[in-house]
Amino acid sequence: MAVARKIRTLLTVNILVFVGIVLFSVYCRLQGRSQELVRIVSGDRRVRSRHAKVGTLGDREAILQRLDHLEEVVYNQLNGLAKPIGLVEGPGGLGQGGLAATLRDDGQEAEGKYEEYGYNAQLSDRISLDRSIPDYRPRKCRQMSYAQDLPQVSVVFIFVNEALSVILRSVHSVVNHTPSQLLKEVILVDDNSDNVELKFNLDQYVNKRYPGLVKIVRNSRREGLIRARLQGWKAATAPVVGFFDAHVEFNTGWAEPALSRIREDRRRIVLPAIDNIKYSTFEVQQYANAAHGYNWGLWCMYIIPPQDWLDRGDESAPIRTPAMIGCSFVVDREYFGDIGLLDPGMEVYGGENVELGMRVSAAPVSRDRVRASEATASGNRMRASEAAVSGDGVRASVAAASGDGVRASAATASGDGVRASEAAVSGDGVRASAATASGDGVRASAAMASGDGVRASVAAVSGDRVRASAAMV
């Protein structure tokens, strides 16, 4: 019995040991497979993660490439708008930096355009609508900062039978050099031009290039410069309106100084400082600081800035001036209406230079001529233009503004005499337009001011002075 009991005990122990070994072996195998599964899953996750990252980067690259492509397509389409009408867009080319340009193939066609427009229109057609021009503002003007809540401006261009390239360069320069949040609209007032290319070609171009931004107002009959400006004022919807001839180019930052002066006092009429765009080569030529006055014949002219301004030694300060130039000024829209606008009975330009200045001076206002902004003709900057000669008369050249300033003005001629362009002034000082010559006589343009003086309109402001300017060719 005892022996049998021992044998059963040993068998039981052996069986338990065997079962334990089997269970342990199974456990080990299960653990190994589990770890392998973990490794496989982890590896799969890492692979998926890498693939996801690669996919994300790839998607981003693809999206960026598509955006670049779309941008290029859009640019080419927009740039292509100028080619069918024989014009040039984009950087580079003739006249960049405001340098003088010439054409080797000047011939009978070029002479014909000289006689028609009073400036080298054929050369203008070869100069980019986006060309750059020099920044002649004083250093202090370039360092100025302005409030974020400046009022918006409607820019009004007046033209009749102007060269299409000159008009579009004016439009390009103001759009390129005005912050989008400040430029409400650009209004082109056509005073019943009979030039065919100013109908369909102009409409088609601006509607595709600047849809909703550029508007065209066409007079059914020739109204004259003064009433054409009134049509532009009626069409404007921004709180501030800038009036310019359609042969100007604006510089960087031209709007801020003028709008800042008006924001401080809505009764100011601001005129930009004006440089010159040479009618034959479209070279931008710097004009010295000056005020605007008038003689006993009520002709506007450049005059030496007042002594108190000279004593300050600050070129960025506005110049108070008693006269203004009508071809380039910025004014509060409602205030302009309050003082009676321009006299619609004026059949020709010139009288408004003195008349508006006197009207403003009769009210409690200040006139500023601002140097901060400048302009040049046929470029991005407005400079007062010179007169181009046609026959025995001189037709005023074109002015344009670029950068932060616009220098305004144009001169026109009739017979053998030349009527110089005008400058408008309001604020503390106004800087004015340019003089032109024709035949044997030259009449310098001038600016009128009211209040304590406005110095320049489409100009950039430095200190409390706006150097605005526009130029004419």
Protein backbone atom coordinates (compact mmCIF):
# COMPACT_ATOMS: atom_id res chain seq x y z
CA MET A 1 0.00 0.00 0.00
CA ALA A 2 2.76 2.38 0.93
CA VAL A 3 4.64 1.60 -2.28
CA ALA A 4 1.54 2.13 -4.42
CA ARG A 5 0.85 5.47 -2.71
CA LYS A 6 4.41 6.68 -3.48
CA ILE A 7 4.08 5.67 -7.12
CA ARG A 8 0.80 7.62 -7.51
CA THR A 9 2.37 10.67 -5.86
CA LEU A 10 5.38 10.60 -8.22
CA LEU A 11 3.13 10.21 -11.27
CA THR A 12 0.98 13.13 -10.12
CA VAL A 13 4.04 15.33 -9.57
CA ASN A 14 5.45 14.37 -12.98
CA ILE A 15 2.14 15.12 -14.67
CA LEU A 16 1.92 18.50 -12.93
CA VAL A 17 5.49 19.32 -13.90
CA PHE A 18 4.79 18.33 -17.51
CA VAL A 19 1.62 20.39 -17.61
CA GLY A 20 3.50 23.32 -16.08
CA ILE A 21 6.23 23.02 -18.68
CA VAL A 22 3.65 22.91 -21.46
CA LEU A 23 1.79 25.90 -20.07
CA PHE A 24 5.02 27.85 -19.63
CA SER A 25 6.01 27.04 -23.19
CA VAL A 26 2.65 28.20 -24.49
CA TYR A 27 2.91 31.36 -22.42
CA CYS A 28 6.36 32.13 -23.81
CA ARG A 29 5.17 31.63 -27.35
CA LEU A 30 2.20 33.88 -26.79
CA GLN A 31 4.45 36.57 -25.32
CA GLY A 32 6.80 36.36 -28.29
CA ARG A 33 3.98 36.69 -30.75
CA SER A 34 2.54 39.60 -28.82
CA GLN A 35 5.83 41.48 -28.89
CA GLU A 36 6.20 40.71 -32.56
CA LEU A 37 2.74 42.03 -33.19
CA VAL A 38 3.60 45.16 -31.21
CA ARG A 39 6.74 45.61 -33.28
CA ILE A 40 4.81 45.08 -36.49
CA VAL A 41 2.07 47.49 -35.49
CA SER A 42 4.59 50.07 -34.30
CA GLY A 43 6.55 49.74 -37.50
CA ASP A 44 3.41 50.04 -39.53
CA ARG A 45 2.46 53.16 -37.63
CA ARG A 46 5.88 54.67 -38.23
CA VAL A 47 5.67 53.84 -41.91
CA ARG A 48 2.20 55.31 -42.11
CA SER A 49 3.39 58.39 -40.27
CA ARG A 50 6.28 58.80 -42.67
CA HIS A 51 3.96 58.33 -45.61
CA ALA A 52 1.53 60.83 -44.12
CA LYS A 53 4.30 63.39 -43.66
CA VAL A 54 5.56 62.79 -47.15
CA GLY A 55 2.02 63.05 -48.41
CA THR A 56 1.40 66.29 -46.52
CA LEU A 57 4.62 67.84 -47.78
CA GLY A 58 3.87 66.61 -51.25
CA ASP A 59 0.37 68.05 -51.12
CA ARG A 60 1.69 71.39 -49.93
CA GLU A 61 4.27 71.47 -52.69
CA ALA A 62 1.63 70.60 -55.23
CA ILE A 63 -0.70 73.30 -53.92
CA LEU A 64 2.06 75.93 -53.94
CA GLN A 65 3.06 74.94 -57.45
CA ARG A 66 -0.54 75.23 -58.59
CA LEU A 67 -0.89 78.63 -56.94
CA ASP A 68 2.32 79.83 -58.58
CA HIS A 69 1.04 78.57 -61.89
CA LEU A 70 -2.33 80.25 -61.45
CA GLU A 71 -0.61 83.49 -60.44
CA GLU A 72 1.54 83.32 -63.54
CA VAL A 73 -1.48 82.60 -65.70
CA VAL A 74 -3.41 85.53 -64.23
CA TYR A 75 -0.40 87.85 -64.61
CA ASN A 76 0.13 86.78 -68.20
CA GLN A 77 -3.54 87.29 -68.96
CA LEU A 78 -3.54 90.74 -67.39
CA ASN A 79 -0.24 91.66 -68.98
CA GLY A 80 -1.60 90.39 -72.24
CA LEU A 81 -4.28 93.06 -72.13
CA ALA A 82 -1.75 95.73 -73.06
CA LYS A 83 -0.16 93.87 -75.97
CA PRO A 84 -3.17 93.91 -78.33
CA ILE A 85 -3.32 97.70 -78.03
CA GLY A 86 0.42 98.10 -78.55
CA LEU A 87 1.40 99.01 -74.99
CA VAL A 88 3.81 97.60 -72.39
CA GLU A 89 3.26 96.52 -68.77
CA GLY A 90 5.51 95.25 -66.00
CA PRO A 91 9.01 96.16 -64.79
CA GLY A 92 11.99 96.99 -66.98
CA GLY A 93 12.21 98.60 -70.37
CA LEU A 94 12.62 102.18 -71.51
CA GLY A 95 12.37 105.08 -69.10
CA GLN A 96 12.87 103.07 -65.91
CA GLY A 97 13.95 105.14 -62.95
CA GLY A 98 12.71 108.27 -64.70
CA LEU A 99 15.67 108.25 -67.09
CA ALA A 100 15.45 109.86 -70.50
CA ALA A 101 14.43 107.50 -73.29
CA THR A 102 14.73 107.72 -77.06
CA LEU A 103 13.64 105.71 -80.08
CA ARG A 104 15.79 104.96 -83.10
CA ASP A 105 12.85 104.64 -85.44
CA ASP A 106 11.38 108.12 -84.96
CA GLY A 107 9.81 109.05 -88.25
CA GLN A 108 6.80 110.64 -89.84
CA GLU A 109 4.41 108.80 -87.51
CA ALA A 110 6.24 110.12 -84.46
CA GLU A 111 6.13 113.67 -85.84
CA GLY A 112 2.41 113.30 -86.43
CA LYS A 113 1.85 112.26 -82.82
CA TYR A 114 3.98 115.17 -81.62
CA GLU A 115 1.66 117.55 -83.44
CA GLU A 116 -1.45 115.75 -82.21
CA TYR A 117 -0.57 115.45 -78.53
CA GLY A 118 2.18 118.00 -77.91
CA TYR A 119 4.54 115.34 -76.52
CA ASN A 120 6.33 112.21 -77.69
CA ALA A 121 3.33 109.88 -77.67
CA GLN A 122 5.11 107.22 -79.72
CA LEU A 123 7.83 107.01 -77.08
CA SER A 124 5.18 106.91 -74.36
CA ASP A 125 3.66 103.84 -76.03
CA ARG A 126 7.01 102.03 -75.65
CA ILE A 127 7.47 102.92 -71.97
CA SER A 128 5.97 100.52 -69.44
CA LEU A 129 2.72 101.51 -67.77
CA ASP A 130 4.38 100.41 -64.52
CA ARG A 131 7.71 102.16 -64.87
CA SER A 132 9.54 103.40 -61.78
CA ILE A 133 10.56 106.99 -61.12
CA PRO A 134 13.00 108.57 -58.63
CA ASP A 135 11.93 109.54 -55.14
CA TYR A 136 12.88 113.18 -54.65
CA ARG A 137 11.18 113.64 -51.30
CA PRO A 138 13.24 115.01 -48.43
CA ARG A 139 14.55 112.31 -46.10
CA LYS A 140 12.23 113.40 -43.31
CA CYS A 141 9.22 112.87 -45.55
CA ARG A 142 10.21 109.26 -46.11
CA GLN A 143 10.44 108.64 -42.37
CA MET A 144 6.95 109.89 -41.56
CA SER A 145 4.29 107.59 -40.13
CA TYR A 146 0.56 108.16 -40.37
CA ALA A 147 -2.64 107.20 -38.58
CA GLN A 148 -4.34 103.94 -39.53
CA ASP A 149 -7.78 105.55 -39.92
CA LEU A 150 -7.07 107.92 -42.81
CA PRO A 151 -10.08 108.68 -45.03
CA GLN A 152 -10.46 107.04 -48.42
CA VAL A 153 -9.92 108.99 -51.61
CA SER A 154 -11.53 109.01 -55.05
CA VAL A 155 -8.99 109.97 -57.71
CA VAL A 156 -10.50 111.85 -60.67
CA PHE A 157 -8.64 112.15 -63.97
CA ILE A 158 -9.87 114.59 -66.62
CA PHE A 159 -8.92 114.05 -70.26
CA VAL A 160 -9.85 114.86 -73.82
CA ASN A 161 -8.04 113.23 -76.75
CA GLU A 162 -5.07 112.27 -74.57
CA ALA A 163 -2.68 109.49 -75.63
CA LEU A 164 -4.02 106.16 -74.34
CA SER A 165 -0.64 105.11 -72.93
CA VAL A 166 -0.39 108.34 -70.93
CA ILE A 167 -3.88 107.89 -69.45
CA LEU A 168 -3.25 104.27 -68.52
CA ARG A 169 0.14 105.08 -67.01
CA SER A 170 -1.63 107.60 -64.79
CA VAL A 171 -4.10 104.90 -63.74
CA HIS A 172 -1.42 102.25 -63.18
CA SER A 173 0.72 104.59 -61.11
CA VAL A 174 -2.08 105.65 -58.78
CA VAL A 175 -3.24 102.05 -58.28
CA ASN A 176 0.31 100.75 -57.80
CA HIS A 177 1.29 103.44 -55.30
CA THR A 178 -1.86 103.94 -53.25
CA PRO A 179 -2.67 101.54 -50.37
CA SER A 180 -5.73 99.53 -51.40
CA GLN A 181 -7.58 100.44 -48.22
CA LEU A 182 -7.23 104.15 -49.06
CA LEU A 183 -8.09 104.11 -52.77
CA LYS A 184 -11.88 103.93 -53.07
CA GLU A 185 -12.04 104.35 -56.84
CA VAL A 186 -10.46 105.89 -59.91
CA ILE A 187 -12.80 107.98 -62.07
CA LEU A 188 -11.89 108.82 -65.66
CA VAL A 189 -13.87 111.76 -67.04
CA ASP A 190 -13.80 111.84 -70.84
CA ASP A 191 -14.77 115.33 -72.01
CA ASN A 192 -16.20 114.09 -75.31
CA SER A 193 -12.99 112.82 -76.94
CA ASP A 194 -13.20 111.92 -80.63
CA ASN A 195 -10.13 109.66 -80.52
CA VAL A 196 -11.39 106.17 -81.38
CA GLU A 197 -8.90 104.29 -79.18
CA LEU A 198 -10.24 106.15 -76.14
CA LYS A 199 -13.59 104.44 -76.60
CA PHE A 200 -13.56 100.65 -77.00
CA ASN A 201 -9.88 100.03 -76.17
CA LEU A 202 -9.98 102.08 -72.98
CA ASP A 203 -13.28 100.58 -71.82
CA GLN A 204 -12.19 97.01 -72.50
CA TYR A 205 -8.82 97.44 -70.83
CA VAL A 206 -9.93 99.02 -67.55
CA ASN A 207 -12.96 96.74 -67.21
CA LYS A 208 -10.75 93.66 -67.41
CA ARG A 209 -7.69 95.03 -65.64
CA TYR A 210 -9.41 96.90 -62.81
CA PRO A 211 -13.02 95.65 -62.62
CA GLY A 212 -15.08 97.69 -60.18
CA LEU A 213 -12.18 100.00 -59.30
CA VAL A 214 -11.89 102.19 -62.39
CA LYS A 215 -15.01 103.95 -63.66
CA ILE A 216 -15.43 105.98 -66.84
CA VAL A 217 -17.72 109.01 -67.07
CA ARG A 218 -18.28 110.28 -70.61
CA ASN A 219 -19.65 113.71 -71.40
CA SER A 220 -22.07 113.75 -74.33
CA ARG A 221 -20.70 117.14 -75.38
CA ARG A 222 -17.53 119.11 -74.75
CA GLU A 223 -18.00 120.75 -71.35
CA GLY A 224 -14.53 122.15 -70.75
CA LEU A 225 -12.10 121.36 -67.96
CA ILE A 226 -13.99 123.05 -65.12
CA ARG A 227 -17.37 121.42 -65.70
CA ALA A 228 -15.65 118.09 -66.41
CA ARG A 229 -14.11 118.26 -62.93
CA LEU A 230 -17.56 118.88 -61.50
CA GLN A 231 -18.79 115.72 -63.23
CA GLY A 232 -15.98 113.81 -61.56
CA TRP A 233 -16.91 115.30 -58.18
CA LYS A 234 -20.52 114.17 -58.64
CA ALA A 235 -19.42 110.62 -59.49
CA ALA A 236 -17.00 110.35 -56.55
CA THR A 237 -18.16 108.43 -53.46
CA ALA A 238 -15.12 108.66 -51.15
CA PRO A 239 -14.96 111.33 -48.40
CA VAL A 240 -11.91 112.89 -50.09
CA VAL A 241 -11.48 113.64 -53.80
CA GLY A 242 -8.24 114.21 -55.70
CA PHE A 243 -8.42 116.03 -59.05
CA PHE A 244 -5.67 115.47 -61.61
CA ASP A 245 -5.03 115.85 -65.28
CA ALA A 246 -4.75 112.44 -66.92
CA HIS A 247 -1.04 112.76 -67.68
CA VAL A 248 0.47 112.22 -64.27
CA GLU A 249 2.35 109.49 -62.45
CA PHE A 250 2.24 108.99 -58.70
CA ASN A 251 5.04 108.08 -56.34
CA THR A 252 5.04 105.76 -53.36
CA GLY A 253 3.18 107.11 -50.38
CA TRP A 254 1.69 110.09 -52.18
CA ALA A 255 -1.74 109.70 -50.58
CA GLU A 256 -0.91 109.42 -46.87
CA PRO A 257 0.46 112.95 -46.34
CA ALA A 258 -2.39 114.63 -48.22
CA LEU A 259 -5.07 112.58 -46.46
CA SER A 260 -3.38 113.14 -43.11
CA ARG A 261 -3.52 116.92 -43.55
CA ILE A 262 -7.20 116.78 -44.48
CA ARG A 263 -7.94 114.43 -41.59
CA GLU A 264 -6.49 117.06 -39.24
CA ASP A 265 -8.58 119.84 -40.80
CA ARG A 266 -11.19 119.08 -43.49
CA ARG A 267 -11.07 122.72 -44.63
CA ARG A 268 -7.65 122.30 -46.17
CA ILE A 269 -7.06 122.01 -49.88
CA VAL A 270 -3.80 120.19 -50.40
CA LEU A 271 -1.59 120.43 -53.47
CA PRO A 272 1.27 118.12 -54.21
CA ALA A 273 4.76 119.33 -55.04
CA ILE A 274 5.36 118.94 -58.73
CA ASP A 275 8.37 117.81 -60.68
CA ASN A 276 8.70 117.80 -64.45
CA ILE A 277 8.45 115.07 -67.03
CA LYS A 278 10.18 116.21 -70.17
CA TYR A 279 7.78 116.07 -73.09
CA SER A 280 10.33 114.72 -75.59
CA THR A 281 12.14 112.03 -73.55
CA PHE A 282 9.82 111.48 -70.56
CA GLU A 283 12.77 112.14 -68.27
CA VAL A 284 11.80 113.04 -64.71
CA GLN A 285 13.37 116.36 -63.72
CA GLN A 286 13.33 117.61 -60.14
CA TYR A 287 11.81 120.99 -59.34
CA ALA A 288 12.92 123.09 -56.41
CA ASN A 289 10.56 124.02 -53.58
CA ALA A 290 8.39 127.01 -54.35
CA ALA A 291 5.15 128.66 -53.34
CA HIS A 292 2.42 129.81 -55.73
CA GLY A 293 1.25 133.31 -56.30
CA TYR A 294 -0.21 135.43 -59.08
CA ASN A 295 0.52 138.72 -60.81
CA TRP A 296 -1.72 141.69 -61.58
CA GLY A 297 -2.86 139.89 -64.70
CA LEU A 298 -4.11 137.10 -62.42
CA TRP A 299 -1.68 134.60 -63.86
CA CYS A 300 -0.35 131.98 -61.47
CA MET A 301 3.39 131.79 -61.06
CA TYR A 302 6.09 130.27 -58.90
CA ILE A 303 7.26 132.46 -56.06
CA ILE A 304 9.93 132.08 -53.39
CA PRO A 305 8.59 130.34 -50.26
CA PRO A 306 7.77 132.71 -47.39
CA GLN A 307 10.65 133.71 -45.12
CA ASP A 308 9.12 132.05 -42.06
CA TRP A 309 9.13 128.73 -43.93
CA LEU A 310 12.75 129.21 -44.99
CA ASP A 311 13.72 130.07 -41.40
CA ARG A 312 12.31 126.75 -40.17
CA GLY A 313 14.88 124.82 -42.19
CA ASP A 314 12.44 121.93 -42.60
CA GLU A 315 11.80 120.96 -46.21
CA SER A 316 9.06 118.59 -45.13
CA ALA A 317 6.89 121.37 -43.67
CA PRO A 318 3.86 122.61 -45.65
CA ILE A 319 4.23 125.92 -47.47
CA ARG A 320 1.45 128.46 -47.06
CA THR A 321 0.56 129.88 -50.44
CA PRO A 322 -2.06 132.33 -51.74
CA ALA A 323 -2.79 130.56 -55.01
CA MET A 324 -3.41 127.01 -56.18
CA ILE A 325 -3.08 124.87 -59.23
CA GLY A 326 -6.26 123.26 -60.48
CA CYS A 327 -4.71 120.31 -62.26
CA SER A 328 -3.59 118.63 -59.05
CA PHE A 329 -5.31 119.08 -55.72
CA VAL A 330 -6.93 117.01 -52.98
CA VAL A 331 -9.94 118.20 -51.00
CA ASP A 332 -12.64 116.97 -48.63
CA ARG A 333 -15.63 116.17 -50.84
CA GLU A 334 -18.30 117.76 -48.64
CA TYR A 335 -16.19 120.81 -47.83
CA PHE A 336 -15.62 121.38 -51.55
CA GLY A 337 -19.39 121.45 -51.99
CA ASP A 338 -19.81 123.76 -49.00
CA ILE A 339 -17.59 126.44 -50.56
CA GLY A 340 -19.39 126.25 -53.90
CA LEU A 341 -17.16 123.89 -55.90
CA LEU A 342 -15.65 125.41 -59.06
CA ASP A 343 -17.47 128.09 -61.03
CA PRO A 344 -19.35 126.21 -63.80
CA GLY A 345 -19.45 129.41 -65.85
CA MET A 346 -15.73 129.16 -66.58
CA GLU A 347 -15.38 128.01 -70.17
CA VAL A 348 -11.60 127.52 -70.10
CA TYR A 349 -9.08 126.64 -67.42
CA GLY A 350 -6.84 129.06 -65.58
CA GLY A 351 -9.25 131.29 -63.71
CA GLU A 352 -9.94 128.66 -61.07
CA ASN A 353 -6.35 128.95 -59.87
CA VAL A 354 -7.02 132.37 -58.46
CA GLU A 355 -10.79 132.17 -57.95
CA LEU A 356 -10.74 129.04 -55.79
CA GLY A 357 -7.82 130.34 -53.77
CA MET A 358 -9.66 133.56 -53.02
CA ARG A 359 -12.82 131.69 -52.14
CA VAL A 360 -10.98 129.45 -49.74
CA SER A 361 -9.19 132.41 -48.18
CA ALA A 362 -12.51 134.08 -47.53
CA ALA A 363 -13.46 131.13 -45.34
CA PRO A 364 -11.78 130.17 -42.04
CA VAL A 365 -9.42 127.65 -43.61
CA SER A 366 -5.75 126.99 -44.06
CA ARG A 367 -3.82 126.39 -47.25
CA ASP A 368 -1.01 123.90 -47.32
CA ARG A 369 1.39 123.14 -50.04
CA VAL A 370 2.92 119.82 -49.18
CA ARG A 371 6.32 118.73 -50.31
CA ALA A 372 6.16 115.24 -48.94
CA SER A 373 4.62 113.83 -52.05
CA GLU A 374 5.85 114.33 -55.55
CA ALA A 375 4.71 113.53 -59.02
CA THR A 376 6.28 113.17 -62.38
CA ALA A 377 5.00 113.03 -65.87
CA SER A 378 4.68 109.73 -67.55
CA GLY A 379 6.10 107.61 -64.81
CA ASN A 380 4.98 106.67 -61.34
CA ARG A 381 5.64 110.06 -60.04
CA MET A 382 3.99 113.33 -60.93
CA ARG A 383 6.12 116.17 -61.96
CA ALA A 384 5.11 119.39 -63.50
CA SER A 385 5.54 119.13 -67.16
CA GLU A 386 7.09 121.21 -69.80
CA ALA A 387 5.27 122.26 -72.87
CA ALA A 388 5.62 120.48 -76.13
CA VAL A 389 5.55 122.60 -79.23
CA SER A 390 3.21 121.93 -82.09
CA GLY A 391 3.12 124.36 -84.96
CA ASP A 392 3.43 127.79 -83.38
CA GLY A 393 1.76 126.77 -80.18
CA VAL A 394 2.63 124.66 -77.22
CA ARG A 395 0.48 121.97 -75.84
CA ALA A 396 0.97 121.20 -72.19
CA SER A 397 2.83 118.06 -71.44
CA VAL A 398 1.82 115.24 -69.22
CA ALA A 399 2.47 114.85 -65.55
CA ALA A 400 2.47 111.76 -63.46
CA ALA A 401 3.12 110.80 -59.90
CA SER A 402 4.79 107.86 -58.29
CA GLY A 403 6.15 106.88 -54.91
CA ASP A 404 4.53 108.71 -52.13
CA GLY A 405 4.09 111.96 -53.81
CA VAL A 406 2.44 113.37 -56.81
CA ARG A 407 3.58 116.52 -58.39
CA ALA A 408 0.90 117.97 -60.42
CA SER A 409 0.42 120.04 -63.42
CA ALA A 410 0.33 120.55 -67.05
CA ALA A 411 0.70 123.41 -69.37
CA THR A 412 -1.25 124.12 -72.46
CA ALA A 413 -0.78 126.51 -75.27
CA SER A 414 -2.87 128.22 -77.84
CA GLY A 415 -1.56 130.23 -80.74
CA ASP A 416 1.99 131.28 -79.98
CA GLY A 417 1.45 131.59 -76.26
CA VAL A 418 1.53 129.09 -73.49
CA ARG A 419 -0.64 128.89 -70.48
CA ALA A 420 1.14 127.37 -67.60
CA SER A 421 -0.37 124.74 -65.41
CA GLU A 422 -1.92 125.46 -62.10
CA ALA A 423 -1.52 124.46 -58.55
CA ALA A 424 -4.14 124.24 -55.88
CA VAL A 425 -3.37 124.97 -52.29
CA SER A 426 -4.94 124.45 -48.93
CA GLY A 427 -3.74 123.65 -45.47
CA ASP A 428 -0.58 125.45 -44.36
CA GLY A 429 1.08 125.54 -47.69
CA VAL A 430 0.68 124.40 -51.21
CA ARG A 431 3.35 123.55 -53.61
CA ALA A 432 2.53 123.95 -57.22
CA SER A 433 2.69 122.99 -60.77
CA ALA A 434 4.93 123.72 -63.63
CA ALA A 435 5.59 126.33 -66.22
CA THR A 436 5.36 125.87 -69.92
CA ALA A 437 6.58 127.75 -72.91
CA SER A 438 5.26 128.26 -76.37
CA GLY A 439 6.42 130.24 -79.33
CA ASP A 440 8.15 133.32 -77.99
CA GLY A 441 6.34 133.51 -74.70
CA VAL A 442 6.47 131.50 -71.53
CA ARG A 443 3.93 131.59 -68.78
CA ALA A 444 4.79 129.87 -65.58
CA SER A 445 2.10 128.03 -63.75
CA ALA A 446 1.11 128.90 -60.24
CA ALA A 447 -0.83 127.81 -57.26
CA MET A 448 -3.54 129.47 -55.30
CA ALA A 449 -4.04 129.12 -51.64
CA SER A 450 -6.58 129.89 -49.03
CA GLY A 451 -6.62 129.93 -45.27
CA ASP A 452 -3.13 129.72 -43.92
CA GLY A 453 -1.91 128.01 -47.07
CA VAL A 454 -1.82 124.58 -48.56
CA ARG A 455 1.28 123.22 -49.95
CA ALA A 456 0.82 120.35 -52.17
CA SER A 457 -1.75 117.96 -53.12
CA VAL A 458 -0.86 114.58 -54.33
CA ALA A 459 2.16 114.61 -52.17
CA ALA A 460 3.56 112.73 -49.33
CA VAL A 461 3.76 114.53 -46.05
CA SER A 462 6.73 114.90 -43.85
CA GLY A 463 6.40 116.62 -40.53
CA ASP A 464 3.16 118.53 -40.85
CA ARG A 465 3.86 119.35 -44.40
CA VAL A 466 2.63 117.50 -47.41
CA ARG A 467 4.86 117.53 -50.35
CA ALA A 468 2.33 116.27 -52.85
CA SER A 469 3.04 116.50 -56.43
CA ALA A 470 2.07 115.74 -59.92
CA ALA A 471 3.89 116.08 -63.13
CA MET A 472 2.91 116.68 -66.64
CA VAL A 473 4.65 115.93 -69.88
